[in-house]
Amino acid sequence: MRLRDQCCQAEDCDAPAAWTEAHHLKPWSQGGRTDLANMVLLCANDHRRIHDPDFTYQRLPDGRIRFTRAARTS
């Protein structure tokens, strides 16, 4: 993953791979595989953000992750 990603895969972050953590896009507990297609490197801040219900994310064609603040319902 470090060779492929080289840095945090959040669209607005360039933290080096040495500062990142592996993240399963589809959790293994839900049948996600531990393979390159299902994994990305994220820095600690973005790894927390991907698990934060206040944000949604999409994987862009280049593999990066775009975060969007989730819509609030009242």
Protein backbone atom coordinates (compact mmCIF):
# COMPACT_ATOMS: atom_id res chain seq x y z
CA MET A 1 0.00 0.00 0.00
CA ARG A 2 2.83 2.39 0.76
CA LEU A 3 4.22 1.92 -2.75
CA ARG A 4 0.80 2.44 -4.34
CA ASP A 5 -0.57 5.25 -2.19
CA GLN A 6 2.65 7.02 -1.11
CA CYS A 7 0.67 9.35 1.20
CA CYS A 8 -2.66 9.77 2.95
CA GLN A 9 -5.40 9.17 0.39
CA ALA A 10 -7.71 11.93 1.65
CA GLU A 11 -8.16 14.40 -1.18
CA ASP A 12 -6.89 17.37 0.82
CA CYS A 13 -4.02 15.66 2.66
CA ASP A 14 -0.46 14.79 1.72
CA ALA A 15 0.78 13.24 4.97
CA PRO A 16 3.57 10.79 4.04
CA ALA A 17 2.88 7.06 4.08
CA ALA A 18 5.02 6.65 7.22
CA TRP A 19 2.41 8.71 9.10
CA THR A 20 -0.61 6.73 7.88
CA GLU A 21 -2.72 3.77 8.92
CA ALA A 22 -4.36 1.10 6.76
CA HIS A 23 -8.13 1.36 6.42
CA HIS A 24 -10.57 -1.25 5.08
CA LEU A 25 -13.10 0.51 2.83
CA LYS A 26 -15.54 -2.35 3.40
CA PRO A 27 -14.92 -3.66 6.93
CA TRP A 28 -13.73 -7.25 7.15
CA SER A 29 -16.52 -7.80 9.71
CA GLN A 30 -18.95 -7.14 6.83
CA GLY A 31 -17.18 -9.42 4.37
CA GLY A 32 -14.55 -6.94 3.20
CA ARG A 33 -11.27 -8.45 2.14
CA THR A 34 -7.82 -7.49 3.32
CA ASP A 35 -6.45 -6.79 -0.15
CA LEU A 36 -5.19 -3.75 -2.03
CA ALA A 37 -8.52 -3.09 -3.77
CA ASN A 38 -10.28 -2.71 -0.42
CA MET A 39 -7.57 -0.82 1.46
CA VAL A 40 -6.29 2.76 1.57
CA LEU A 41 -3.78 4.62 3.67
CA LEU A 42 -5.14 7.43 5.83
CA CYS A 43 -3.43 9.67 8.37
CA ALA A 44 -4.80 9.45 11.92
CA ASN A 45 -7.04 12.52 11.47
CA ASP A 46 -8.57 11.26 8.24
CA HIS A 47 -8.90 7.73 9.62
CA ARG A 48 -11.00 9.18 12.46
CA ARG A 49 -12.99 11.25 9.95
CA ILE A 50 -13.84 8.22 7.77
CA HIS A 51 -15.47 6.62 10.85
CA ASP A 52 -17.24 9.85 11.92
CA PRO A 53 -20.99 9.79 11.15
CA ASP A 54 -20.83 13.56 10.54
CA PHE A 55 -18.99 12.81 7.27
CA THR A 56 -19.65 10.77 4.17
CA TYR A 57 -16.98 9.83 1.68
CA GLN A 58 -16.55 8.67 -1.86
CA ARG A 59 -13.60 7.06 -3.56
CA LEU A 60 -12.53 9.08 -6.58
CA PRO A 61 -11.37 7.48 -9.86
CA ASP A 62 -7.74 8.15 -8.92
CA GLY A 63 -8.20 6.26 -5.62
CA ARG A 64 -8.27 9.31 -3.38
CA ILE A 65 -11.02 9.77 -0.79
CA ARG A 66 -13.28 12.84 -0.89
CA PHE A 67 -14.98 13.71 2.39
CA THR A 68 -18.24 15.64 2.60
CA ARG A 69 -19.98 16.82 5.72
CA ALA A 70 -23.13 14.72 6.09
CA ALA A 71 -26.47 16.46 5.71
CA ARG A 72 -28.26 17.03 9.00
CA THR A 73 -31.94 16.29 9.34
CA SER A 74 -33.99 18.17 11.88
